Amino acid sequence: MDRSKRKLETEVSDLKEQLNEHRLQVEELQLQLGKREEELTQALMKIDEEGAGKAQSQKALRELESQLAEVRF
């Protein structure tokens, strides 16, 4: 009886240790996910900014082309 009880206590202790290790792994993965999400957000913002800059450049180019066409006539 005592032997079975000790065996079960050891198994419970091992399982608790494994659970704690898994919790730590989950926390670490959540931190990594948060960092990746932040990196993604920054990359998307940069893409948006570059897209807006491109649109402004294209608009300015069209305006200059229009002015050049007026000067030619």
PDB file of N, CA and C in Angstrom:
ATOM      1  N   MET A   1       0.812  -1.186   0.000  1.00  0.00           N
ATOM      2  CA  MET A   1       0.000   0.000   0.000  1.00  0.00           C
ATOM      3  C   MET A   1       0.863   1.261   0.000  1.00  0.00           C
ATOM      4  N   ASP A   2       1.838   1.332   0.894  1.00  0.00           N
ATOM      5  CA  ASP A   2       2.715   2.494   0.946  1.00  0.00           C
ATOM      6  C   ASP A   2       3.517   2.631  -0.347  1.00  0.00           C
ATOM      7  N   ARG A   3       3.888   1.496  -0.882  1.00  0.00           N
ATOM      8  CA  ARG A   3       4.665   1.515  -2.119  1.00  0.00           C
ATOM      9  C   ARG A   3       3.840   2.096  -3.268  1.00  0.00           C
ATOM     10  N   SER A   4       2.595   1.705  -3.358  1.00  0.00           N
ATOM     11  CA  SER A   4       1.697   2.222  -4.384  1.00  0.00           C
ATOM     12  C   SER A   4       1.459   3.716  -4.189  1.00  0.00           C
ATOM     13  N   LYS A   5       1.307   4.098  -2.940  1.00  0.00           N
ATOM     14  CA  LYS A   5       1.076   5.507  -2.632  1.00  0.00           C
ATOM     15  C   LYS A   5       2.285   6.342  -3.031  1.00  0.00           C
ATOM     16  N   ARG A   6       3.492   5.879  -2.705  1.00  0.00           N
ATOM     17  CA  ARG A   6       4.720   6.606  -3.073  1.00  0.00           C
ATOM     18  C   ARG A   6       4.847   6.702  -4.589  1.00  0.00           C
ATOM     19  N   LYS A   7       4.505   5.616  -5.259  1.00  0.00           N
ATOM     20  CA  LYS A   7       4.580   5.601  -6.717  1.00  0.00           C
ATOM     21  C   LYS A   7       3.628   6.645  -7.304  1.00  0.00           C
ATOM     22  N   LEU A   8       2.413   6.683  -6.779  1.00  0.00           N
ATOM     23  CA  LEU A   8       1.439   7.668  -7.256  1.00  0.00           C
ATOM     24  C   LEU A   8       1.885   9.093  -6.935  1.00  0.00           C
ATOM     25  N   GLU A   9       2.432   9.292  -5.744  1.00  0.00           N
ATOM     26  CA  GLU A   9       2.927  10.618  -5.367  1.00  0.00           C
ATOM     27  C   GLU A   9       4.055  11.054  -6.289  1.00  0.00           C
ATOM     28  N   THR A  10       4.926  10.124  -6.648  1.00  0.00           N
ATOM     29  CA  THR A  10       6.018  10.431  -7.576  1.00  0.00           C
ATOM     30  C   THR A  10       5.459  10.794  -8.941  1.00  0.00           C
ATOM     31  N   GLU A  11       4.482  10.039  -9.394  1.00  0.00           N
ATOM     32  CA  GLU A  11       3.873  10.328 -10.695  1.00  0.00           C
ATOM     33  C   GLU A  11       3.184  11.688 -10.688  1.00  0.00           C
ATOM     34  N   VAL A  12       2.486  11.986  -9.612  1.00  0.00           N
ATOM     35  CA  VAL A  12       1.814  13.283  -9.490  1.00  0.00           C
ATOM     36  C   VAL A  12       2.850  14.406  -9.493  1.00  0.00           C
ATOM     37  N   SER A  13       3.922  14.199  -8.747  1.00  0.00           N
ATOM     38  CA  SER A  13       4.986  15.199  -8.706  1.00  0.00           C
ATOM     39  C   SER A  13       5.593  15.414 -10.098  1.00  0.00           C
ATOM     40  N   ASP A  14       5.844  14.327 -10.813  1.00  0.00           N
ATOM     41  CA  ASP A  14       6.386  14.421 -12.172  1.00  0.00           C
ATOM     42  C   ASP A  14       5.412  15.154 -13.094  1.00  0.00           C
ATOM     43  N   LEU A  15       4.145  14.838 -12.967  1.00  0.00           N
ATOM     44  CA  LEU A  15       3.145  15.483 -13.815  1.00  0.00           C
ATOM     45  C   LEU A  15       3.041  16.976 -13.511  1.00  0.00           C
ATOM     46  N   LYS A  16       3.131  17.338 -12.244  1.00  0.00           N
ATOM     47  CA  LYS A  16       3.109  18.752 -11.858  1.00  0.00           C
ATOM     48  C   LYS A  16       4.315  19.481 -12.450  1.00  0.00           C
ATOM     49  N   GLU A  17       5.460  18.829 -12.412  1.00  0.00           N
ATOM     50  CA  GLU A  17       6.668  19.420 -12.982  1.00  0.00           C
ATOM     51  C   GLU A  17       6.515  19.608 -14.488  1.00  0.00           C
ATOM     52  N   GLN A  18       5.978  18.605 -15.153  1.00  0.00           N
ATOM     53  CA  GLN A  18       5.750  18.715 -16.602  1.00  0.00           C
ATOM     54  C   GLN A  18       4.759  19.835 -16.912  1.00  0.00           C
ATOM     55  N   LEU A  19       3.726  19.935 -16.092  1.00  0.00           N
ATOM     56  CA  LEU A  19       2.735  20.988 -16.281  1.00  0.00           C
ATOM     57  C   LEU A  19       3.380  22.369 -16.146  1.00  0.00           C
ATOM     58  N   ASN A  20       4.209  22.531 -15.141  1.00  0.00           N
ATOM     59  CA  ASN A  20       4.894  23.810 -14.959  1.00  0.00           C
ATOM     60  C   ASN A  20       5.806  24.120 -16.137  1.00  0.00           C
ATOM     61  N   GLU A  21       6.503  23.113 -16.643  1.00  0.00           N
ATOM     62  CA  GLU A  21       7.366  23.311 -17.798  1.00  0.00           C
ATOM     63  C   GLU A  21       6.547  23.733 -19.019  1.00  0.00           C
ATOM     64  N   HIS A  22       5.400  23.095 -19.198  1.00  0.00           N
ATOM     65  CA  HIS A  22       4.535  23.453 -20.323  1.00  0.00           C
ATOM     66  C   HIS A  22       3.987  24.863 -20.169  1.00  0.00           C
ATOM     67  N   ARG A  23       3.667  25.238 -18.966  1.00  0.00           N
ATOM     68  CA  ARG A  23       3.189  26.610 -18.735  1.00  0.00           C
ATOM     69  C   ARG A  23       4.269  27.622 -19.088  1.00  0.00           C
ATOM     70  N   LEU A  24       5.494  27.329 -18.696  1.00  0.00           N
ATOM     71  CA  LEU A  24       6.602  28.220 -19.040  1.00  0.00           C
ATOM     72  C   LEU A  24       6.790  28.299 -20.551  1.00  0.00           C
ATOM     73  N   GLN A  25       6.668  27.162 -21.223  1.00  0.00           N
ATOM     74  CA  GLN A  25       6.799  27.150 -22.683  1.00  0.00           C
ATOM     75  C   GLN A  25       5.680  27.970 -23.332  1.00  0.00           C
ATOM     76  N   VAL A  26       4.474  27.848 -22.812  1.00  0.00           N
ATOM     77  CA  VAL A  26       3.349  28.616 -23.344  1.00  0.00           C
ATOM     78  C   VAL A  26       3.603  30.110 -23.150  1.00  0.00           C
ATOM     79  N   GLU A  27       4.078  30.497 -21.983  1.00  0.00           N
ATOM     80  CA  GLU A  27       4.374  31.906 -21.720  1.00  0.00           C
ATOM     81  C   GLU A  27       5.437  32.423 -22.687  1.00  0.00           C
ATOM     82  N   GLU A  28       6.483  31.635 -22.895  1.00  0.00           N
ATOM     83  CA  GLU A  28       7.546  32.031 -23.816  1.00  0.00           C
ATOM     84  C   GLU A  28       7.011  32.165 -25.238  1.00  0.00           C
ATOM     85  N   LEU A  29       6.188  31.228 -25.655  1.00  0.00           N
ATOM     86  CA  LEU A  29       5.602  31.299 -27.001  1.00  0.00           C
ATOM     87  C   LEU A  29       4.671  32.496 -27.141  1.00  0.00           C
ATOM     88  N   GLN A  30       3.954  32.824 -26.077  1.00  0.00           N
ATOM     89  CA  GLN A  30       3.087  33.996 -26.122  1.00  0.00           C
ATOM     90  C   GLN A  30       3.912  35.277 -26.262  1.00  0.00           C
ATOM     91  N   LEU A  31       5.041  35.334 -25.574  1.00  0.00           N
ATOM     92  CA  LEU A  31       5.931  36.491 -25.711  1.00  0.00           C
ATOM     93  C   LEU A  31       6.470  36.590 -27.132  1.00  0.00           C
ATOM     94  N   GLN A  32       6.885  35.460 -27.678  1.00  0.00           N
ATOM     95  CA  GLN A  32       7.395  35.453 -29.052  1.00  0.00           C
ATOM     96  C   GLN A  32       6.300  35.870 -30.037  1.00  0.00           C
ATOM     97  N   LEU A  33       5.096  35.389 -29.824  1.00  0.00           N
ATOM     98  CA  LEU A  33       3.981  35.752 -30.688  1.00  0.00           C
ATOM     99  C   LEU A  33       3.719  37.258 -30.613  1.00  0.00           C
ATOM    100  N   GLY A  34       3.755  37.797 -29.426  1.00  0.00           N
ATOM    101  CA  GLY A  34       3.551  39.237 -29.256  1.00  0.00           C
ATOM    102  C   GLY A  34       4.597  40.040 -30.003  1.00  0.00           C
ATOM    103  N   LYS A  35       5.852  39.590 -29.932  1.00  0.00           N
ATOM    104  CA  LYS A  35       6.924  40.280 -30.656  1.00  0.00           C
ATOM    105  C   LYS A  35       6.703  40.191 -32.157  1.00  0.00           C
ATOM    106  N   ARG A  36       6.315  39.025 -32.632  1.00  0.00           N
ATOM    107  CA  ARG A  36       6.075  38.843 -34.074  1.00  0.00           C
ATOM    108  C   ARG A  36       4.897  39.696 -34.545  1.00  0.00           C
ATOM    109  N   GLU A  37       3.865  39.782 -33.722  1.00  0.00           N
ATOM    110  CA  GLU A  37       2.713  40.609 -34.080  1.00  0.00           C
ATOM    111  C   GLU A  37       3.124  42.076 -34.173  1.00  0.00           C
ATOM    112  N   GLU A  38       3.962  42.524 -33.250  1.00  0.00           N
ATOM    113  CA  GLU A  38       4.447  43.905 -33.273  1.00  0.00           C
ATOM    114  C   GLU A  38       5.290  44.146 -34.525  1.00  0.00           C
ATOM    115  N   GLU A  39       6.159  43.194 -34.864  1.00  0.00           N
ATOM    116  CA  GLU A  39       6.970  43.318 -36.070  1.00  0.00           C
ATOM    117  C   GLU A  39       6.084  43.383 -37.307  1.00  0.00           C
ATOM    118  N   LEU A  40       5.055  42.557 -37.339  1.00  0.00           N
ATOM    119  CA  LEU A  40       4.134  42.548 -38.471  1.00  0.00           C
ATOM    120  C   LEU A  40       3.398  43.879 -38.576  1.00  0.00           C
ATOM    121  N   THR A  41       2.941  44.387 -37.456  1.00  0.00           N
ATOM    122  CA  THR A  41       2.245  45.674 -37.446  1.00  0.00           C
ATOM    123  C   THR A  41       3.149  46.778 -37.979  1.00  0.00           C
ATOM    124  N   GLN A  42       4.403  46.784 -37.533  1.00  0.00           N
ATOM    125  CA  GLN A  42       5.343  47.802 -38.011  1.00  0.00           C
ATOM    126  C   GLN A  42       5.614  47.655 -39.505  1.00  0.00           C
ATOM    127  N   ALA A  43       5.745  46.425 -39.972  1.00  0.00           N
ATOM    128  CA  ALA A  43       5.977  46.192 -41.402  1.00  0.00           C
ATOM    129  C   ALA A  43       4.783  46.656 -42.228  1.00  0.00           C
ATOM    130  N   LEU A  44       3.575  46.378 -41.750  1.00  0.00           N
ATOM    131  CA  LEU A  44       2.373  46.812 -42.465  1.00  0.00           C
ATOM    132  C   LEU A  44       2.257  48.334 -42.483  1.00  0.00           C
ATOM    133  N   MET A  45       2.621  48.976 -41.386  1.00  0.00           N
ATOM    134  CA  MET A  45       2.607  50.435 -41.347  1.00  0.00           C
ATOM    135  C   MET A  45       3.607  51.001 -42.347  1.00  0.00           C
ATOM    136  N   LYS A  46       4.771  50.397 -42.422  1.00  0.00           N
ATOM    137  CA  LYS A  46       5.792  50.855 -43.360  1.00  0.00           C
ATOM    138  C   LYS A  46       5.305  50.695 -44.796  1.00  0.00           C
ATOM    139  N   ILE A  47       4.655  49.573 -45.086  1.00  0.00           N
ATOM    140  CA  ILE A  47       4.104  49.351 -46.427  1.00  0.00           C
ATOM    141  C   ILE A  47       3.062  50.417 -46.753  1.00  0.00           C
ATOM    142  N   ASP A  48       2.196  50.715 -45.791  1.00  0.00           N
ATOM    143  CA  ASP A  48       1.180  51.751 -46.001  1.00  0.00           C
ATOM    144  C   ASP A  48       1.831  53.109 -46.266  1.00  0.00           C
ATOM    145  N   GLU A  49       2.856  53.439 -45.474  1.00  0.00           N
ATOM    146  CA  GLU A  49       3.551  54.715 -45.653  1.00  0.00           C
ATOM    147  C   GLU A  49       4.222  54.785 -47.021  1.00  0.00           C
ATOM    148  N   GLU A  50       4.854  53.692 -47.420  1.00  0.00           N
ATOM    149  CA  GLU A  50       5.514  53.667 -48.716  1.00  0.00           C
ATOM    150  C   GLU A  50       4.488  53.764 -49.842  1.00  0.00           C
ATOM    151  N   GLY A  51       3.354  53.123 -49.662  1.00  0.00           N
ATOM    152  CA  GLY A  51       2.284  53.216 -50.660  1.00  0.00           C
ATOM    153  C   GLY A  51       1.759  54.633 -50.789  1.00  0.00           C
ATOM    154  N   ALA A  52       1.596  55.313 -49.659  1.00  0.00           N
ATOM    155  CA  ALA A  52       1.129  56.700 -49.675  1.00  0.00           C
ATOM    156  C   ALA A  52       2.173  57.595 -50.344  1.00  0.00           C
ATOM    157  N   GLY A  53       3.436  57.351 -50.051  1.00  0.00           N
ATOM    158  CA  GLY A  53       4.511  58.123 -50.685  1.00  0.00           C
ATOM    159  C   GLY A  53       4.537  57.899 -52.185  1.00  0.00           C
ATOM    160  N   LYS A  54       4.333  56.684 -52.589  1.00  0.00           N
ATOM    161  CA  LYS A  54       4.302  56.360 -54.029  1.00  0.00           C
ATOM    162  C   LYS A  54       3.145  57.085 -54.696  1.00  0.00           C
ATOM    163  N   ALA A  55       1.976  57.066 -54.058  1.00  0.00           N
ATOM    164  CA  ALA A  55       0.806  57.738 -54.614  1.00  0.00           C
ATOM    165  C   ALA A  55       1.058  59.237 -54.753  1.00  0.00           C
ATOM    166  N   GLN A  56       1.694  59.837 -53.762  1.00  0.00           N
ATOM    167  CA  GLN A  56       2.002  61.268 -53.834  1.00  0.00           C
ATOM    168  C   GLN A  56       2.994  61.554 -54.955  1.00  0.00           C
ATOM    169  N   SER A  57       3.976  60.698 -55.100  1.00  0.00           N
ATOM    170  CA  SER A  57       4.966  60.874 -56.172  1.00  0.00           C
ATOM    171  C   SER A  57       4.310  60.752 -57.542  1.00  0.00           C
ATOM    172  N   GLN A  58       3.417  59.789 -57.684  1.00  0.00           N
ATOM    173  CA  GLN A  58       2.727  59.628 -58.955  1.00  0.00           C
ATOM    174  C   GLN A  58       1.848  60.834 -59.265  1.00  0.00           C
ATOM    175  N   LYS A  59       1.199  61.358 -58.247  1.00  0.00           N
ATOM    176  CA  LYS A  59       0.368  62.541 -58.442  1.00  0.00           C
ATOM    177  C   LYS A  59       1.229  63.726 -58.866  1.00  0.00           C
ATOM    178  N   ALA A  60       2.348  63.915 -58.182  1.00  0.00           N
ATOM    179  CA  ALA A  60       3.252  65.016 -58.527  1.00  0.00           C
ATOM    180  C   ALA A  60       3.778  64.841 -59.948  1.00  0.00           C
ATOM    181  N   LEU A  61       4.090  63.628 -60.333  1.00  0.00           N
ATOM    182  CA  LEU A  61       4.578  63.360 -61.685  1.00  0.00           C
ATOM    183  C   LEU A  61       3.511  63.699 -62.720  1.00  0.00           C
ATOM    184  N   ARG A  62       2.283  63.304 -62.466  1.00  0.00           N
ATOM    185  CA  ARG A  62       1.199  63.632 -63.398  1.00  0.00           C
ATOM    186  C   ARG A  62       1.027  65.139 -63.526  1.00  0.00           C
ATOM    187  N   GLU A  63       1.117  65.838 -62.401  1.00  0.00           N
ATOM    188  CA  GLU A  63       0.990  67.295 -62.439  1.00  0.00           C
ATOM    189  C   GLU A  63       2.120  67.920 -63.246  1.00  0.00           C
ATOM    190  N   LEU A  64       3.331  67.433 -63.051  1.00  0.00           N
ATOM    191  CA  LEU A  64       4.469  67.956 -63.815  1.00  0.00           C
ATOM    192  C   LEU A  64       4.332  67.637 -65.298  1.00  0.00           C
ATOM    193  N   GLU A  65       3.858  66.442 -65.607  1.00  0.00           N
ATOM    194  CA  GLU A  65       3.638  66.086 -67.004  1.00  0.00           C
ATOM    195  C   GLU A  65       2.586  66.990 -67.629  1.00  0.00           C
ATOM    196  N   SER A  66       1.546  67.309 -66.873  1.00  0.00           N
ATOM    197  CA  SER A  66       0.492  68.199 -67.354  1.00  0.00           C
ATOM    198  C   SER A  66       1.060  69.596 -67.600  1.00  0.00           C
ATOM    199  N   GLN A  67       1.855  70.090 -66.663  1.00  0.00           N
ATOM    200  CA  GLN A  67       2.480  71.409 -66.828  1.00  0.00           C
ATOM    201  C   GLN A  67       3.413  71.419 -68.037  1.00  0.00           C
ATOM    202  N   LEU A  68       4.162  70.347 -68.217  1.00  0.00           N
ATOM    203  CA  LEU A  68       5.077  70.250 -69.350  1.00  0.00           C
ATOM    204  C   LEU A  68       4.302  70.242 -70.657  1.00  0.00           C
ATOM    205  N   ALA A  69       3.184  69.567 -70.675  1.00  0.00           N
ATOM    206  CA  ALA A  69       2.368  69.527 -71.881  1.00  0.00           C
ATOM    207  C   ALA A  69       1.826  70.919 -72.192  1.00  0.00           C
ATOM    208  N   GLU A  70       1.467  71.680 -71.174  1.00  0.00           N
ATOM    209  CA  GLU A  70       0.963  73.038 -71.376  1.00  0.00           C
ATOM    210  C   GLU A  70       2.059  73.941 -71.922  1.00  0.00           C
ATOM    211  N   VAL A  71       3.272  73.775 -71.440  1.00  0.00           N
ATOM    212  CA  VAL A  71       4.394  74.614 -71.880  1.00  0.00           C
ATOM    213  C   VAL A  71       4.713  74.314 -73.338  1.00  0.00           C
ATOM    214  N   ARG A  72       4.576  73.104 -73.775  1.00  0.00           N
ATOM    215  CA  ARG A  72       4.906  72.707 -75.136  1.00  0.00           C
ATOM    216  C   ARG A  72       3.933  73.324 -76.148  1.00  0.00           C
ATOM    217  N   PHE A  73       2.720  73.615 -75.726  1.00  0.00           N
ATOM    218  CA  PHE A  73       1.748  74.155 -76.666  1.00  0.00           C
ATOM    219  C   PHE A  73       1.690  75.621 -76.603  1.00  0.00           C
TER     220      PHE A  73
END
